[in-house]
């Protein structure tokens, strides 16, 4: 166990991810938010058990972490937000009426992309920094629904010198439609023009970046990555596939098990990838999960995109 600021950490993996003890969620303070940020700089992913948090305190804590993204662009297109705050992203398998999303429905198909390793909001002009995911209702144990994380800082460290030299200036084009298509190969819904990657602007970000909170170099990659700016699409996609396969080897991956309602996992999208694990619970049991998303505030936040742009990828 190690100690940073007022929190105690038990590592869950040799290179990243730690379970955190000593956080007082009855007193949401700027100091608590700062302590969490310090832990994230080292571990990339922090796991808090039995937090007792509700929507109000979840959002209050998140606001102390930085400027929050919200679901307003989706609401304007007619999506009903069943949650109290627009800053809460509903990443549950529950619809606005409380019904379990059924396999094969449009929402299920569009959500399948979350089962591939990705980072939040790489496809938008300003990417996500920190994500805070809180469990409200969990399926029975043994039916799936874990969350896996991949250590992209250590994965970059382990690249050979020739590869590091080749990829050092790559800029990746990210599209949520692309990851959806990868997760649902051949699905006719995603052949509709509005779901093609080229139907919407791409979020463009450098592959190799300095993770500023830790000073380490990170490989910013995801299954959203559609092409490499400097390469023909087929060649770029082959390169992306090679890098994704490298970064998601077992030695870089840690599964986090959701044990209790109000467990919370906090991660830095600029240091790790994540994915939702499928399971037998799908279509049968509720998995009610709610996420707040803190905009990245580093010098890489807007990537190669226009600062101040407000478009969102992946709509509808």
C-alpha atoms as a PDB file:
ATOM      1  CA  UNK A   1       0.000   0.000   0.000  1.00  0.00           C
ATOM      2  CA  UNK A   2       1.207   3.506  -0.799  1.00  0.00           C
ATOM      3  CA  UNK A   3       0.059   6.882   0.448  1.00  0.00           C
ATOM      4  CA  UNK A   4      -0.399  10.067  -1.586  1.00  0.00           C
ATOM      5  CA  UNK A   5      -1.776  13.182   0.123  1.00  0.00           C
ATOM      6  CA  UNK A   6      -4.716  12.121   2.343  1.00  0.00           C
ATOM      7  CA  UNK A   7      -5.586   8.907   0.522  1.00  0.00           C
ATOM      8  CA  UNK A   8      -4.179   5.391   0.748  1.00  0.00           C
ATOM      9  CA  UNK A   9      -3.766   3.262  -2.380  1.00  0.00           C
ATOM     10  CA  UNK A  10      -3.657  -0.492  -2.921  1.00  0.00           C
ATOM     11  CA  UNK A  11      -2.372  -1.252  -6.455  1.00  0.00           C
ATOM     12  CA  UNK A  12      -4.486  -3.708  -8.447  1.00  0.00           C
ATOM     13  CA  UNK A  13      -1.970  -4.128 -11.292  1.00  0.00           C
ATOM     14  CA  UNK A  14       1.841  -3.900 -11.508  1.00  0.00           C
ATOM     15  CA  UNK A  15       1.846  -0.667 -13.530  1.00  0.00           C
ATOM     16  CA  UNK A  16      -1.489   1.123 -12.966  1.00  0.00           C
ATOM     17  CA  UNK A  17      -4.940   1.025 -11.285  1.00  0.00           C
ATOM     18  CA  UNK A  18      -5.359   1.287  -7.520  1.00  0.00           C
ATOM     19  CA  UNK A  19      -8.141   0.850  -4.993  1.00  0.00           C
ATOM     20  CA  UNK A  20      -8.405   3.917  -2.796  1.00  0.00           C
ATOM     21  CA  UNK A  21      -9.111   4.107   0.931  1.00  0.00           C
ATOM     22  CA  UNK A  22      -9.732   7.078   3.200  1.00  0.00           C
ATOM     23  CA  UNK A  23     -11.860   9.294   0.946  1.00  0.00           C
ATOM     24  CA  UNK A  24     -14.577  11.147   2.877  1.00  0.00           C
ATOM     25  CA  UNK A  25     -17.453  11.501   0.438  1.00  0.00           C
ATOM     26  CA  UNK A  26     -19.671  13.012   3.127  1.00  0.00           C
ATOM     27  CA  UNK A  27     -17.502  16.115   2.784  1.00  0.00           C
ATOM     28  CA  UNK A  28     -17.008  17.059  -0.867  1.00  0.00           C
ATOM     29  CA  UNK A  29     -14.147  19.566  -0.810  1.00  0.00           C
ATOM     30  CA  UNK A  30     -11.603  21.025  -3.250  1.00  0.00           C
ATOM     31  CA  UNK A  31      -8.915  19.189  -1.268  1.00  0.00           C
ATOM     32  CA  UNK A  32     -10.573  15.833  -1.974  1.00  0.00           C
ATOM     33  CA  UNK A  33     -10.743  16.668  -5.689  1.00  0.00           C
ATOM     34  CA  UNK A  34      -7.062  17.672  -5.680  1.00  0.00           C
ATOM     35  CA  UNK A  35      -6.081  14.478  -3.864  1.00  0.00           C
ATOM     36  CA  UNK A  36      -7.926  12.385  -6.463  1.00  0.00           C
ATOM     37  CA  UNK A  37      -6.115  14.201  -9.259  1.00  0.00           C
ATOM     38  CA  UNK A  38      -2.749  13.487  -7.599  1.00  0.00           C
ATOM     39  CA  UNK A  39      -3.592   9.791  -7.388  1.00  0.00           C
ATOM     40  CA  UNK A  40      -4.702   9.732 -11.012  1.00  0.00           C
ATOM     41  CA  UNK A  41      -1.377  11.187 -12.145  1.00  0.00           C
ATOM     42  CA  UNK A  42       0.328   8.088 -10.778  1.00  0.00           C
ATOM     43  CA  UNK A  43      -2.189   5.289 -11.286  1.00  0.00           C
ATOM     44  CA  UNK A  44      -4.395   6.450 -14.180  1.00  0.00           C
ATOM     45  CA  UNK A  45      -7.407   4.592 -12.703  1.00  0.00           C
ATOM     46  CA  UNK A  46      -8.765   4.833  -9.133  1.00  0.00           C
ATOM     47  CA  UNK A  47     -11.401   2.541  -7.613  1.00  0.00           C
ATOM     48  CA  UNK A  48     -13.544   3.704  -4.683  1.00  0.00           C
ATOM     49  CA  UNK A  49     -15.809   1.206  -2.904  1.00  0.00           C
ATOM     50  CA  UNK A  50     -19.149   1.928  -1.195  1.00  0.00           C
ATOM     51  CA  UNK A  51     -18.925   5.674  -1.655  1.00  0.00           C
ATOM     52  CA  UNK A  52     -22.548   6.337  -0.704  1.00  0.00           C
ATOM     53  CA  UNK A  53     -22.641   8.987  -3.435  1.00  0.00           C
ATOM     54  CA  UNK A  54     -25.894  10.069  -5.034  1.00  0.00           C
ATOM     55  CA  UNK A  55     -26.370  12.134  -8.198  1.00  0.00           C
ATOM     56  CA  UNK A  56     -26.091  15.433  -6.313  1.00  0.00           C
ATOM     57  CA  UNK A  57     -22.744  14.681  -4.672  1.00  0.00           C
ATOM     58  CA  UNK A  58     -21.412  12.884  -7.752  1.00  0.00           C
ATOM     59  CA  UNK A  59     -21.941  16.036  -9.800  1.00  0.00           C
ATOM     60  CA  UNK A  60     -20.692  18.293  -6.989  1.00  0.00           C
ATOM     61  CA  UNK A  61     -17.414  16.372  -6.742  1.00  0.00           C
ATOM     62  CA  UNK A  62     -17.019  16.311 -10.514  1.00  0.00           C
ATOM     63  CA  UNK A  63     -17.474  20.065 -10.800  1.00  0.00           C
ATOM     64  CA  UNK A  64     -14.533  20.498  -8.445  1.00  0.00           C
ATOM     65  CA  UNK A  65     -12.420  18.358 -10.797  1.00  0.00           C
ATOM     66  CA  UNK A  66     -12.858  20.785 -13.724  1.00  0.00           C
ATOM     67  CA  UNK A  67     -15.225  21.971 -16.447  1.00  0.00           C
ATOM     68  CA  UNK A  68     -17.837  19.333 -17.223  1.00  0.00           C
ATOM     69  CA  UNK A  69     -19.157  18.102 -20.547  1.00  0.00           C
ATOM     70  CA  UNK A  70     -22.940  17.660 -20.784  1.00  0.00           C
ATOM     71  CA  UNK A  71     -25.626  15.925 -22.814  1.00  0.00           C
ATOM     72  CA  UNK A  72     -27.330  19.108 -24.044  1.00  0.00           C
ATOM     73  CA  UNK A  73     -26.452  18.497 -27.740  1.00  0.00           C
ATOM     74  CA  UNK A  74     -28.187  15.108 -27.554  1.00  0.00           C
ATOM     75  CA  UNK A  75     -31.232  16.521 -25.752  1.00  0.00           C
ATOM     76  CA  UNK A  76     -31.683  19.086 -28.514  1.00  0.00           C
ATOM     77  CA  UNK A  77     -32.096  16.233 -30.993  1.00  0.00           C
ATOM     78  CA  UNK A  78     -34.949  14.781 -28.985  1.00  0.00           C
ATOM     79  CA  UNK A  79     -33.191  12.258 -26.749  1.00  0.00           C
ATOM     80  CA  UNK A  80     -34.918  12.126 -23.366  1.00  0.00           C
ATOM     81  CA  UNK A  81     -32.587  12.481 -20.383  1.00  0.00           C
ATOM     82  CA  UNK A  82     -34.049  10.435 -17.515  1.00  0.00           C
ATOM     83  CA  UNK A  83     -31.449  11.803 -15.090  1.00  0.00           C
ATOM     84  CA  UNK A  84     -31.532  14.917 -12.920  1.00  0.00           C
ATOM     85  CA  UNK A  85     -28.459  16.628 -14.345  1.00  0.00           C
ATOM     86  CA  UNK A  86     -27.381  17.279 -17.920  1.00  0.00           C
ATOM     87  CA  UNK A  87     -23.807  16.719 -16.712  1.00  0.00           C
ATOM     88  CA  UNK A  88     -24.646  13.038 -16.117  1.00  0.00           C
ATOM     89  CA  UNK A  89     -24.104  10.751 -19.096  1.00  0.00           C
ATOM     90  CA  UNK A  90     -26.467   7.796 -18.909  1.00  0.00           C
ATOM     91  CA  UNK A  91     -24.320   4.779 -19.783  1.00  0.00           C
ATOM     92  CA  UNK A  92     -26.871   2.285 -18.486  1.00  0.00           C
ATOM     93  CA  UNK A  93     -28.804  -0.437 -20.257  1.00  0.00           C
ATOM     94  CA  UNK A  94     -32.010   1.317 -19.198  1.00  0.00           C
ATOM     95  CA  UNK A  95     -34.202   3.527 -21.380  1.00  0.00           C
ATOM     96  CA  UNK A  96     -36.061   6.715 -20.410  1.00  0.00           C
ATOM     97  CA  UNK A  97     -39.038   4.684 -19.179  1.00  0.00           C
ATOM     98  CA  UNK A  98     -36.915   2.403 -16.999  1.00  0.00           C
ATOM     99  CA  UNK A  99     -37.062  -0.576 -19.355  1.00  0.00           C
ATOM    100  CA  UNK A 100     -34.018  -2.760 -20.020  1.00  0.00           C
ATOM    101  CA  UNK A 101     -32.477  -2.122 -23.444  1.00  0.00           C
ATOM    102  CA  UNK A 102     -32.956  -5.200 -25.578  1.00  0.00           C
ATOM    103  CA  UNK A 103     -30.278  -6.770 -27.800  1.00  0.00           C
ATOM    104  CA  UNK A 104     -30.660  -5.731 -31.425  1.00  0.00           C
ATOM    105  CA  UNK A 105     -32.403  -2.435 -30.684  1.00  0.00           C
ATOM    106  CA  UNK A 106     -30.897   0.733 -32.159  1.00  0.00           C
ATOM    107  CA  UNK A 107     -29.619   1.917 -28.788  1.00  0.00           C
ATOM    108  CA  UNK A 108     -28.031  -1.485 -28.162  1.00  0.00           C
ATOM    109  CA  UNK A 109     -26.333  -1.436 -31.559  1.00  0.00           C
ATOM    110  CA  UNK A 110     -25.003   2.097 -31.093  1.00  0.00           C
ATOM    111  CA  UNK A 111     -23.792   1.267 -27.588  1.00  0.00           C
ATOM    112  CA  UNK A 112     -21.773  -1.769 -28.692  1.00  0.00           C
ATOM    113  CA  UNK A 113     -18.856   0.490 -29.538  1.00  0.00           C
ATOM    114  CA  UNK A 114     -18.329   0.951 -25.804  1.00  0.00           C
ATOM    115  CA  UNK A 115     -17.340  -2.714 -25.619  1.00  0.00           C
ATOM    116  CA  UNK A 116     -14.183  -1.944 -27.608  1.00  0.00           C
ATOM    117  CA  UNK A 117     -11.210  -0.263 -25.993  1.00  0.00           C
ATOM    118  CA  UNK A 118     -11.558   3.489 -26.340  1.00  0.00           C
ATOM    119  CA  UNK A 119     -11.132   6.859 -24.668  1.00  0.00           C
ATOM    120  CA  UNK A 120     -14.060   9.165 -24.019  1.00  0.00           C
ATOM    121  CA  UNK A 121     -14.753  11.961 -26.516  1.00  0.00           C
ATOM    122  CA  UNK A 122     -11.659  11.535 -28.717  1.00  0.00           C
ATOM    123  CA  UNK A 123     -14.076  12.084 -31.610  1.00  0.00           C
ATOM    124  CA  UNK A 124     -15.108  15.561 -30.388  1.00  0.00           C
ATOM    125  CA  UNK A 125     -13.133  18.780 -30.927  1.00  0.00           C
ATOM    126  CA  UNK A 126     -12.239  18.974 -27.224  1.00  0.00           C
ATOM    127  CA  UNK A 127     -11.448  15.612 -25.736  1.00  0.00           C
ATOM    128  CA  UNK A 128     -12.329  14.246 -22.304  1.00  0.00           C
ATOM    129  CA  UNK A 129      -9.873  14.400 -19.461  1.00  0.00           C
ATOM    130  CA  UNK A 130     -11.187  12.669 -16.325  1.00  0.00           C
ATOM    131  CA  UNK A 131     -14.244  10.393 -16.223  1.00  0.00           C
ATOM    132  CA  UNK A 132     -16.071   9.517 -13.000  1.00  0.00           C
ATOM    133  CA  UNK A 133     -18.363   6.480 -13.312  1.00  0.00           C
ATOM    134  CA  UNK A 134     -20.766   5.654 -10.469  1.00  0.00           C
ATOM    135  CA  UNK A 135     -22.796   2.466 -10.138  1.00  0.00           C
ATOM    136  CA  UNK A 136     -26.467   2.756  -9.108  1.00  0.00           C
ATOM    137  CA  UNK A 137     -27.748  -0.751  -9.836  1.00  0.00           C
ATOM    138  CA  UNK A 138     -25.691  -3.810 -10.737  1.00  0.00           C
ATOM    139  CA  UNK A 139     -26.608  -7.113 -12.379  1.00  0.00           C
ATOM    140  CA  UNK A 140     -26.137 -10.333 -10.390  1.00  0.00           C
ATOM    141  CA  UNK A 141     -22.519 -11.316  -9.797  1.00  0.00           C
ATOM    142  CA  UNK A 142     -21.182 -13.667 -12.423  1.00  0.00           C
ATOM    143  CA  UNK A 143     -23.321 -12.245 -15.240  1.00  0.00           C
ATOM    144  CA  UNK A 144     -20.687  -9.819 -16.584  1.00  0.00           C
ATOM    145  CA  UNK A 145     -20.521  -6.056 -16.710  1.00  0.00           C
ATOM    146  CA  UNK A 146     -16.948  -5.480 -15.546  1.00  0.00           C
ATOM    147  CA  UNK A 147     -14.905  -2.572 -16.903  1.00  0.00           C
ATOM    148  CA  UNK A 148     -11.448  -3.225 -18.348  1.00  0.00           C
ATOM    149  CA  UNK A 149      -8.653  -0.676 -18.599  1.00  0.00           C
ATOM    150  CA  UNK A 150      -5.480  -0.620 -20.692  1.00  0.00           C
ATOM    151  CA  UNK A 151      -2.290   1.178 -19.655  1.00  0.00           C
ATOM    152  CA  UNK A 152      -1.339   3.223 -22.713  1.00  0.00           C
ATOM    153  CA  UNK A 153       1.590   4.963 -20.996  1.00  0.00           C
ATOM    154  CA  UNK A 154       3.414   1.716 -20.275  1.00  0.00           C
ATOM    155  CA  UNK A 155       2.383   0.361 -23.682  1.00  0.00           C
ATOM    156  CA  UNK A 156       4.136   3.331 -25.277  1.00  0.00           C
ATOM    157  CA  UNK A 157       7.225   2.832 -23.091  1.00  0.00           C
ATOM    158  CA  UNK A 158       7.506  -0.741 -24.365  1.00  0.00           C
ATOM    159  CA  UNK A 159       7.405   0.094 -28.075  1.00  0.00           C
ATOM    160  CA  UNK A 160      10.701  -0.572 -29.826  1.00  0.00           C
ATOM    161  CA  UNK A 161      12.777   2.395 -30.928  1.00  0.00           C
ATOM    162  CA  UNK A 162      12.036   1.936 -34.617  1.00  0.00           C
ATOM    163  CA  UNK A 163       8.273   2.043 -34.011  1.00  0.00           C
ATOM    164  CA  UNK A 164       8.553   5.099 -31.757  1.00  0.00           C
ATOM    165  CA  UNK A 165      10.448   6.927 -34.494  1.00  0.00           C
ATOM    166  CA  UNK A 166       7.934   5.911 -37.185  1.00  0.00           C
ATOM    167  CA  UNK A 167       4.801   6.966 -35.272  1.00  0.00           C
ATOM    168  CA  UNK A 168       6.093  10.031 -33.406  1.00  0.00           C
ATOM    169  CA  UNK A 169       4.299  12.557 -35.639  1.00  0.00           C
ATOM    170  CA  UNK A 170       1.125  10.606 -36.408  1.00  0.00           C
ATOM    171  CA  UNK A 171      -2.203  12.427 -36.157  1.00  0.00           C
ATOM    172  CA  UNK A 172      -5.231  10.134 -35.787  1.00  0.00           C
ATOM    173  CA  UNK A 173      -8.738  10.946 -37.046  1.00  0.00           C
ATOM    174  CA  UNK A 174     -11.356   9.729 -34.539  1.00  0.00           C
ATOM    175  CA  UNK A 175     -15.011   8.900 -35.246  1.00  0.00           C
ATOM    176  CA  UNK A 176     -17.628   7.373 -32.962  1.00  0.00           C
ATOM    177  CA  UNK A 177     -19.356   5.979 -36.037  1.00  0.00           C
ATOM    178  CA  UNK A 178     -16.171   4.090 -36.896  1.00  0.00           C
ATOM    179  CA  UNK A 179     -16.007   2.321 -33.530  1.00  0.00           C
ATOM    180  CA  UNK A 180     -19.708   1.471 -33.777  1.00  0.00           C
ATOM    181  CA  UNK A 181     -19.126  -0.127 -37.158  1.00  0.00           C
ATOM    182  CA  UNK A 182     -16.136  -2.068 -35.817  1.00  0.00           C
ATOM    183  CA  UNK A 183     -18.309  -3.408 -32.999  1.00  0.00           C
ATOM    184  CA  UNK A 184     -21.172  -4.344 -35.359  1.00  0.00           C
ATOM    185  CA  UNK A 185     -19.540  -5.573 -38.578  1.00  0.00           C
ATOM    186  CA  UNK A 186     -21.980  -5.756 -41.470  1.00  0.00           C
ATOM    187  CA  UNK A 187     -24.939  -4.359 -39.545  1.00  0.00           C
ATOM    188  CA  UNK A 188     -27.243  -2.687 -42.106  1.00  0.00           C
ATOM    189  CA  UNK A 189     -28.250   0.120 -39.717  1.00  0.00           C
ATOM    190  CA  UNK A 190     -24.695   1.428 -39.746  1.00  0.00           C
ATOM    191  CA  UNK A 191     -24.613   1.419 -43.538  1.00  0.00           C
ATOM    192  CA  UNK A 192     -27.058   4.321 -43.552  1.00  0.00           C
ATOM    193  CA  UNK A 193     -25.315   7.511 -44.748  1.00  0.00           C
ATOM    194  CA  UNK A 194     -25.756   9.306 -41.405  1.00  0.00           C
ATOM    195  CA  UNK A 195     -23.756   6.581 -39.652  1.00  0.00           C
ATOM    196  CA  UNK A 196     -20.765   6.597 -41.999  1.00  0.00           C
ATOM    197  CA  UNK A 197     -17.551   8.024 -40.485  1.00  0.00           C
ATOM    198  CA  UNK A 198     -17.277  10.569 -43.288  1.00  0.00           C
ATOM    199  CA  UNK A 199     -20.747  11.938 -42.432  1.00  0.00           C
ATOM    200  CA  UNK A 200     -19.386  14.100 -39.641  1.00  0.00           C
ATOM    201  CA  UNK A 201     -16.210  16.018 -38.711  1.00  0.00           C
ATOM    202  CA  UNK A 202     -13.435  13.974 -37.155  1.00  0.00           C
ATOM    203  CA  UNK A 203     -11.710  14.639 -33.857  1.00  0.00           C
ATOM    204  CA  UNK A 204      -8.021  14.878 -34.741  1.00  0.00           C
ATOM    205  CA  UNK A 205      -5.363  14.237 -32.109  1.00  0.00           C
ATOM    206  CA  UNK A 206      -1.687  13.395 -32.037  1.00  0.00           C
ATOM    207  CA  UNK A 207      -0.905   9.781 -31.228  1.00  0.00           C
ATOM    208  CA  UNK A 208       2.214  10.447 -29.149  1.00  0.00           C
ATOM    209  CA  UNK A 209       1.752  12.998 -26.377  1.00  0.00           C
ATOM    210  CA  UNK A 210       3.174  13.994 -23.030  1.00  0.00           C
ATOM    211  CA  UNK A 211       0.764  13.175 -20.223  1.00  0.00           C
ATOM    212  CA  UNK A 212       1.241  16.454 -18.428  1.00  0.00           C
ATOM    213  CA  UNK A 213       0.154  15.474 -14.878  1.00  0.00           C
ATOM    214  CA  UNK A 214       2.799  12.709 -14.741  1.00  0.00           C
ATOM    215  CA  UNK A 215       5.357  13.893 -17.313  1.00  0.00           C
ATOM    216  CA  UNK A 216       5.260  10.472 -18.964  1.00  0.00           C
ATOM    217  CA  UNK A 217       4.746   9.889 -22.682  1.00  0.00           C
ATOM    218  CA  UNK A 218       1.376   8.426 -23.617  1.00  0.00           C
ATOM    219  CA  UNK A 219       0.017   6.716 -26.721  1.00  0.00           C
ATOM    220  CA  UNK A 220      -3.381   8.361 -27.275  1.00  0.00           C
ATOM    221  CA  UNK A 221      -5.226   5.723 -29.251  1.00  0.00           C
ATOM    222  CA  UNK A 222      -8.707   4.185 -29.364  1.00  0.00           C
ATOM    223  CA  UNK A 223     -10.994   2.063 -31.504  1.00  0.00           C
ATOM    224  CA  UNK A 224     -12.488   5.392 -32.590  1.00  0.00           C
ATOM    225  CA  UNK A 225      -9.322   5.951 -34.654  1.00  0.00           C
ATOM    226  CA  UNK A 226     -10.370   5.813 -38.309  1.00  0.00           C
ATOM    227  CA  UNK A 227      -7.211   6.813 -40.120  1.00  0.00           C
ATOM    228  CA  UNK A 228      -3.726   8.256 -39.803  1.00  0.00           C
ATOM    229  CA  UNK A 229      -3.563  11.744 -41.287  1.00  0.00           C
ATOM    230  CA  UNK A 230      -0.239  11.161 -43.017  1.00  0.00           C
ATOM    231  CA  UNK A 231      -1.105   7.775 -44.588  1.00  0.00           C
ATOM    232  CA  UNK A 232      -3.553   6.316 -47.129  1.00  0.00           C
ATOM    233  CA  UNK A 233      -6.597   4.959 -45.283  1.00  0.00           C
ATOM    234  CA  UNK A 234      -5.805   1.208 -45.711  1.00  0.00           C
ATOM    235  CA  UNK A 235      -2.193   1.650 -44.610  1.00  0.00           C
ATOM    236  CA  UNK A 236      -3.209   3.861 -41.693  1.00  0.00           C
ATOM    237  CA  UNK A 237      -5.863   1.458 -40.508  1.00  0.00           C
ATOM    238  CA  UNK A 238      -3.352  -1.394 -40.548  1.00  0.00           C
ATOM    239  CA  UNK A 239      -0.984   0.720 -38.445  1.00  0.00           C
ATOM    240  CA  UNK A 240      -3.776   1.577 -35.992  1.00  0.00           C
ATOM    241  CA  UNK A 241      -4.702  -2.098 -35.689  1.00  0.00           C
ATOM    242  CA  UNK A 242      -1.105  -3.025 -34.893  1.00  0.00           C
ATOM    243  CA  UNK A 243      -0.861  -0.345 -32.192  1.00  0.00           C
ATOM    244  CA  UNK A 244      -4.228  -1.285 -30.673  1.00  0.00           C
ATOM    245  CA  UNK A 245      -3.207  -4.940 -30.529  1.00  0.00           C
ATOM    246  CA  UNK A 246       0.011  -3.943 -28.801  1.00  0.00           C
ATOM    247  CA  UNK A 247      -1.678  -1.660 -26.241  1.00  0.00           C
ATOM    248  CA  UNK A 248      -4.387  -4.189 -25.311  1.00  0.00           C
ATOM    249  CA  UNK A 249      -2.138  -7.171 -24.572  1.00  0.00           C
ATOM    250  CA  UNK A 250      -3.036  -8.922 -21.323  1.00  0.00           C
ATOM    251  CA  UNK A 251      -0.005  -7.467 -19.548  1.00  0.00           C
ATOM    252  CA  UNK A 252      -1.348  -3.930 -20.035  1.00  0.00           C
ATOM    253  CA  UNK A 253      -4.984  -4.716 -19.103  1.00  0.00           C
ATOM    254  CA  UNK A 254      -6.715  -4.736 -15.716  1.00  0.00           C
ATOM    255  CA  UNK A 255     -10.356  -5.691 -15.122  1.00  0.00           C
ATOM    256  CA  UNK A 256     -12.226  -3.755 -12.455  1.00  0.00           C
ATOM    257  CA  UNK A 257     -15.108  -5.666 -10.871  1.00  0.00           C
ATOM    258  CA  UNK A 258     -18.137  -3.737  -9.703  1.00  0.00           C
ATOM    259  CA  UNK A 259     -18.948  -5.160  -6.257  1.00  0.00           C
ATOM    260  CA  UNK A 260     -21.441  -2.747  -4.740  1.00  0.00           C
ATOM    261  CA  UNK A 261     -23.938  -0.067  -5.584  1.00  0.00           C
ATOM    262  CA  UNK A 262     -22.209   3.347  -5.249  1.00  0.00           C
ATOM    263  CA  UNK A 263     -18.803   1.932  -6.198  1.00  0.00           C
ATOM    264  CA  UNK A 264     -17.080   4.610  -8.279  1.00  0.00           C
ATOM    265  CA  UNK A 265     -14.220   4.337 -10.755  1.00  0.00           C
ATOM    266  CA  UNK A 266     -12.325   7.445 -11.835  1.00  0.00           C
ATOM    267  CA  UNK A 267      -9.885   7.408 -14.742  1.00  0.00           C
ATOM    268  CA  UNK A 268      -7.756   9.697 -16.869  1.00  0.00           C
ATOM    269  CA  UNK A 269      -8.595   9.266 -20.563  1.00  0.00           C
ATOM    270  CA  UNK A 270      -5.229  10.804 -21.415  1.00  0.00           C
ATOM    271  CA  UNK A 271      -3.400   7.879 -19.778  1.00  0.00           C
ATOM    272  CA  UNK A 272      -5.614   4.807 -20.246  1.00  0.00           C
ATOM    273  CA  UNK A 273      -8.191   3.210 -22.516  1.00  0.00           C
ATOM    274  CA  UNK A 274     -11.277   1.423 -21.189  1.00  0.00           C
ATOM    275  CA  UNK A 275     -14.100  -0.804 -22.340  1.00  0.00           C
ATOM    276  CA  UNK A 276     -17.400  -2.125 -20.955  1.00  0.00           C
ATOM    277  CA  UNK A 277     -17.439  -5.922 -20.768  1.00  0.00           C
ATOM    278  CA  UNK A 278     -20.510  -7.741 -22.128  1.00  0.00           C
ATOM    279  CA  UNK A 279     -22.178 -10.627 -20.346  1.00  0.00           C
ATOM    280  CA  UNK A 280     -25.249 -12.727 -19.674  1.00  0.00           C
ATOM    281  CA  UNK A 281     -26.916  -9.771 -17.933  1.00  0.00           C
ATOM    282  CA  UNK A 282     -27.624  -8.076 -21.266  1.00  0.00           C
ATOM    283  CA  UNK A 283     -31.337  -7.861 -22.007  1.00  0.00           C
ATOM    284  CA  UNK A 284     -32.167  -9.444 -18.606  1.00  0.00           C
ATOM    285  CA  UNK A 285     -30.840  -7.378 -15.707  1.00  0.00           C
ATOM    286  CA  UNK A 286     -30.364  -3.665 -15.154  1.00  0.00           C
ATOM    287  CA  UNK A 287     -26.891  -2.201 -15.098  1.00  0.00           C
ATOM    288  CA  UNK A 288     -27.493   1.439 -14.107  1.00  0.00           C
ATOM    289  CA  UNK A 289     -24.257   3.399 -14.497  1.00  0.00           C
ATOM    290  CA  UNK A 290     -23.856   7.195 -14.645  1.00  0.00           C
ATOM    291  CA  UNK A 291     -20.764   9.089 -15.744  1.00  0.00           C
ATOM    292  CA  UNK A 292     -19.578  12.629 -15.445  1.00  0.00           C
ATOM    293  CA  UNK A 293     -16.920  13.763 -17.886  1.00  0.00           C
ATOM    294  CA  UNK A 294     -14.379  16.469 -17.123  1.00  0.00           C
ATOM    295  CA  UNK A 295     -13.065  18.290 -20.187  1.00  0.00           C
ATOM    296  CA  UNK A 296      -9.330  17.963 -20.663  1.00  0.00           C
ATOM    297  CA  UNK A 297      -7.523  21.184 -19.752  1.00  0.00           C
ATOM    298  CA  UNK A 298      -4.020  20.219 -20.907  1.00  0.00           C
ATOM    299  CA  UNK A 299      -2.224  21.774 -23.858  1.00  0.00           C
ATOM    300  CA  UNK A 300      -3.391  18.775 -25.948  1.00  0.00           C
ATOM    301  CA  UNK A 301      -7.093  19.201 -25.096  1.00  0.00           C
ATOM    302  CA  UNK A 302      -8.210  20.473 -28.501  1.00  0.00           C
ATOM    303  CA  UNK A 303      -5.735  18.404 -30.504  1.00  0.00           C
ATOM    304  CA  UNK A 304      -5.548  19.522 -34.127  1.00  0.00           C
ATOM    305  CA  UNK A 305      -9.135  20.801 -33.986  1.00  0.00           C
ATOM    306  CA  UNK A 306     -10.400  24.384 -33.873  1.00  0.00           C
ATOM    307  CA  UNK A 307     -10.449  25.709 -30.321  1.00  0.00           C
ATOM    308  CA  UNK A 308     -13.987  26.674 -29.368  1.00  0.00           C
ATOM    309  CA  UNK A 309     -15.808  24.380 -31.807  1.00  0.00           C
ATOM    310  CA  UNK A 310     -19.035  23.018 -30.279  1.00  0.00           C
ATOM    311  CA  UNK A 311     -20.011  20.231 -32.703  1.00  0.00           C
ATOM    312  CA  UNK A 312     -20.363  16.729 -31.320  1.00  0.00           C
ATOM    313  CA  UNK A 313     -19.570  13.544 -33.193  1.00  0.00           C
ATOM    314  CA  UNK A 314     -21.738  10.461 -33.086  1.00  0.00           C
ATOM    315  CA  UNK A 315     -25.079  12.270 -33.301  1.00  0.00           C
ATOM    316  CA  UNK A 316     -27.720  11.012 -33.361  1.00  0.00           C
END
